[in-house]
């Protein structure tokens, strides 16, 4: 996997941090996907460290399964600035990290962590977990607003509500 990624990573299981992050994230207009709805985050958070020369080449994220739930969205929180490079690049646009900024996008979206050219970049990485599809016959309001072929790049979101200086996240 070193030819795809060469960054360092670790995991932290913290119900307190997971709950805090989910309380902020759930305020966003998370999409219903194929009749499934977002219900939380996995128990463990992943943290990535990118030093100069480290990157994560173009790839798609895969699903994470836990407690009968499956992830459908990737969730990044940029933890610092003071480095060069390290943008999150998609096929048609680039996101420049800002401390406390969050990025949410559908797993099946090509993206990369560009090489850091100087300094060190830190990222919190998680997933948005989805409940199994509801029975449309039992719940007529459960029809999906997206079909499985929609263009996921329009569901990529960069939000400053995770900025520690942004208060409670309710500002416009």
Protein backbone atom coordinates (compact mmCIF):
# COMPACT_ATOMS: atom_id res chain seq x y z
CA UNK A 1 0.00 0.00 0.00
CA UNK A 2 3.05 2.30 0.25
CA UNK A 3 2.72 3.04 -3.48
CA UNK A 4 -0.77 4.47 -2.77
CA UNK A 5 -0.14 6.11 0.61
CA UNK A 6 2.88 6.77 2.78
CA UNK A 7 1.37 8.84 5.57
CA UNK A 8 1.25 7.80 9.22
CA UNK A 9 -2.06 6.89 10.87
CA UNK A 10 -3.54 5.83 14.17
CA UNK A 11 -6.99 5.20 15.66
CA UNK A 12 -8.68 6.44 18.82
CA UNK A 13 -11.87 4.98 20.28
CA UNK A 14 -13.56 7.84 22.13
CA UNK A 15 -17.33 7.87 22.60
CA UNK A 16 -17.13 11.47 23.85
CA UNK A 17 -15.36 12.78 20.72
CA UNK A 18 -17.49 10.67 18.37
CA UNK A 19 -20.67 12.03 20.00
CA UNK A 20 -19.41 15.62 19.88
CA UNK A 21 -18.48 15.37 16.20
CA UNK A 22 -21.76 13.69 15.28
CA UNK A 23 -23.79 16.39 17.07
CA UNK A 24 -22.14 19.01 14.84
CA UNK A 25 -22.19 16.95 11.65
CA UNK A 26 -25.84 15.96 11.91
CA UNK A 27 -26.79 19.66 11.56
CA UNK A 28 -25.64 19.55 7.93
CA UNK A 29 -28.01 18.49 5.14
CA UNK A 30 -26.60 14.97 4.83
CA UNK A 31 -28.05 13.18 1.80
CA UNK A 32 -30.37 10.22 1.91
CA UNK A 33 -28.67 7.58 -0.26
CA UNK A 34 -30.70 4.85 -1.94
CA UNK A 35 -33.32 5.07 0.81
CA UNK A 36 -30.77 4.93 3.65
CA UNK A 37 -30.23 7.75 6.13
CA UNK A 38 -27.20 8.95 8.07
CA UNK A 39 -27.29 7.86 11.72
CA UNK A 40 -23.83 8.39 13.24
CA UNK A 41 -20.08 7.83 13.12
CA UNK A 42 -18.01 4.69 13.80
CA UNK A 43 -16.75 4.11 17.36
CA UNK A 44 -13.10 4.84 16.48
CA UNK A 45 -11.68 7.97 14.88
CA UNK A 46 -8.69 7.79 12.57
CA UNK A 47 -5.94 10.39 12.59
CA UNK A 48 -3.56 10.94 9.69
CA UNK A 49 -0.17 12.64 9.82
CA UNK A 50 1.46 13.80 6.59
CA UNK A 51 5.09 14.97 6.79
CA UNK A 52 6.98 16.55 3.88
CA UNK A 53 6.91 14.18 0.90
CA UNK A 54 3.96 12.14 2.18
CA UNK A 55 0.71 11.78 0.25
CA UNK A 56 -2.31 9.59 -0.42
CA UNK A 57 -2.59 9.03 -4.19
CA UNK A 58 -5.86 9.20 -6.14
CA UNK A 59 -8.32 6.60 -4.79
CA UNK A 60 -11.90 5.96 -3.72
CA UNK A 61 -12.83 5.19 -0.13
CA UNK A 62 -14.57 1.94 0.72
CA UNK A 63 -17.38 1.20 3.16
CA UNK A 64 -16.83 0.60 6.87
CA UNK A 65 -19.22 -1.87 8.53
CA UNK A 66 -20.07 -1.75 12.22
CA UNK A 67 -23.07 -2.84 14.31
CA UNK A 68 -25.26 -3.53 11.27
CA UNK A 69 -24.54 -0.10 9.78
CA UNK A 70 -22.48 0.70 6.70
CA UNK A 71 -20.61 3.90 5.89
CA UNK A 72 -21.46 5.82 2.73
CA UNK A 73 -19.73 9.18 3.24
CA UNK A 74 -16.15 10.12 4.07
CA UNK A 75 -15.65 12.79 6.74
CA UNK A 76 -12.42 14.77 7.15
CA UNK A 77 -11.60 17.50 9.67
CA UNK A 78 -8.42 19.47 9.02
CA UNK A 79 -6.59 19.92 12.32
CA UNK A 80 -3.87 22.42 11.49
CA UNK A 81 -2.27 24.82 9.06
CA UNK A 82 1.38 25.83 8.79
CA UNK A 83 2.29 23.40 6.02
CA UNK A 84 2.60 23.66 2.25
CA UNK A 85 0.85 21.38 -0.22
CA UNK A 86 -1.45 18.69 1.15
CA UNK A 87 -4.61 19.80 -0.64
CA UNK A 88 -7.45 17.32 -1.02
CA UNK A 89 -7.82 17.01 -4.77
CA UNK A 90 -10.85 15.74 -6.66
CA UNK A 91 -11.05 15.23 -10.42
CA UNK A 92 -12.63 18.66 -10.98
CA UNK A 93 -11.68 20.77 -7.96
CA UNK A 94 -9.27 21.11 -5.02
CA UNK A 95 -9.94 21.80 -1.33
CA UNK A 96 -7.25 23.71 0.55
CA UNK A 97 -7.18 22.68 4.22
CA UNK A 98 -8.10 25.25 6.88
CA UNK A 99 -7.88 24.50 10.58
CA UNK A 100 -11.25 23.22 11.78
CA UNK A 101 -12.68 22.93 8.28
CA UNK A 102 -14.65 19.78 7.52
CA UNK A 103 -15.07 17.97 4.22
CA UNK A 104 -17.83 15.41 3.58
CA UNK A 105 -18.17 13.44 0.35
CA UNK A 106 -19.57 10.19 -1.03
CA UNK A 107 -17.12 7.27 -0.77
CA UNK A 108 -17.32 6.48 -4.47
CA UNK A 109 -15.58 9.76 -5.39
CA UNK A 110 -12.03 9.83 -6.78
CA UNK A 111 -9.81 12.00 -4.56
CA UNK A 112 -6.25 12.33 -3.27
CA UNK A 113 -4.22 13.88 -0.50
CA UNK A 114 -1.61 15.83 -2.47
CA UNK A 115 2.00 15.64 -1.26
CA UNK A 116 2.92 17.88 1.64
CA UNK A 117 5.93 19.90 0.48
CA UNK A 118 6.90 21.40 3.85
CA UNK A 119 5.67 21.21 7.42
CA UNK A 120 3.28 18.61 8.82
CA UNK A 121 -0.44 18.16 8.10
CA UNK A 122 -2.84 16.50 10.57
CA UNK A 123 -6.31 15.23 9.65
CA UNK A 124 -9.11 13.53 11.55
CA UNK A 125 -10.71 10.93 9.26
CA UNK A 126 -14.01 9.20 9.87
CA UNK A 127 -17.07 7.94 8.04
CA UNK A 128 -20.77 8.72 8.15
CA UNK A 129 -22.68 5.56 8.98
CA UNK A 130 -26.01 4.77 7.34
CA UNK A 131 -28.87 2.64 8.63
CA UNK A 132 -30.09 -0.17 6.36
CA UNK A 133 -32.59 0.80 3.70
CA UNK A 134 -36.12 1.13 5.03
CA UNK A 135 -38.93 -0.89 3.46
CA UNK A 136 -40.57 1.56 1.03
CA UNK A 137 -43.85 -0.38 1.17
CA UNK A 138 -43.99 0.04 4.95
CA UNK A 139 -42.79 3.67 4.83
CA UNK A 140 -43.94 5.54 1.70
CA UNK A 141 -41.86 8.57 2.71
CA UNK A 142 -38.61 6.64 2.43
CA UNK A 143 -38.05 7.06 -1.29
CA UNK A 144 -34.48 8.07 -2.07
CA UNK A 145 -33.86 11.55 -3.40
CA UNK A 146 -30.81 10.25 -5.30
CA UNK A 147 -30.40 7.29 -7.57
CA UNK A 148 -27.23 5.22 -7.39
CA UNK A 149 -25.75 6.99 -10.42
CA UNK A 150 -25.97 10.61 -9.30
CA UNK A 151 -22.91 12.81 -9.59
CA UNK A 152 -21.44 12.66 -6.10
CA UNK A 153 -19.11 15.64 -6.53
CA UNK A 154 -22.09 17.90 -5.91
CA UNK A 155 -22.52 16.34 -2.47
CA UNK A 156 -18.98 17.24 -1.41
CA UNK A 157 -19.19 19.81 1.34
CA UNK A 158 -16.57 21.97 3.00
CA UNK A 159 -17.86 23.50 6.19
CA UNK A 160 -16.29 25.70 8.86
CA UNK A 161 -18.69 24.55 11.60
CA UNK A 162 -15.93 22.38 13.03
CA UNK A 163 -13.66 25.38 13.51
CA UNK A 164 -12.95 25.62 17.26
CA UNK A 165 -13.23 29.40 16.95
CA UNK A 166 -16.67 29.25 15.34
CA UNK A 167 -18.70 28.93 18.55
CA UNK A 168 -21.56 26.47 18.50
CA UNK A 169 -21.68 26.12 14.72
CA UNK A 170 -25.00 27.92 14.29
CA UNK A 171 -23.63 31.02 12.61
CA UNK A 172 -24.51 31.70 9.00
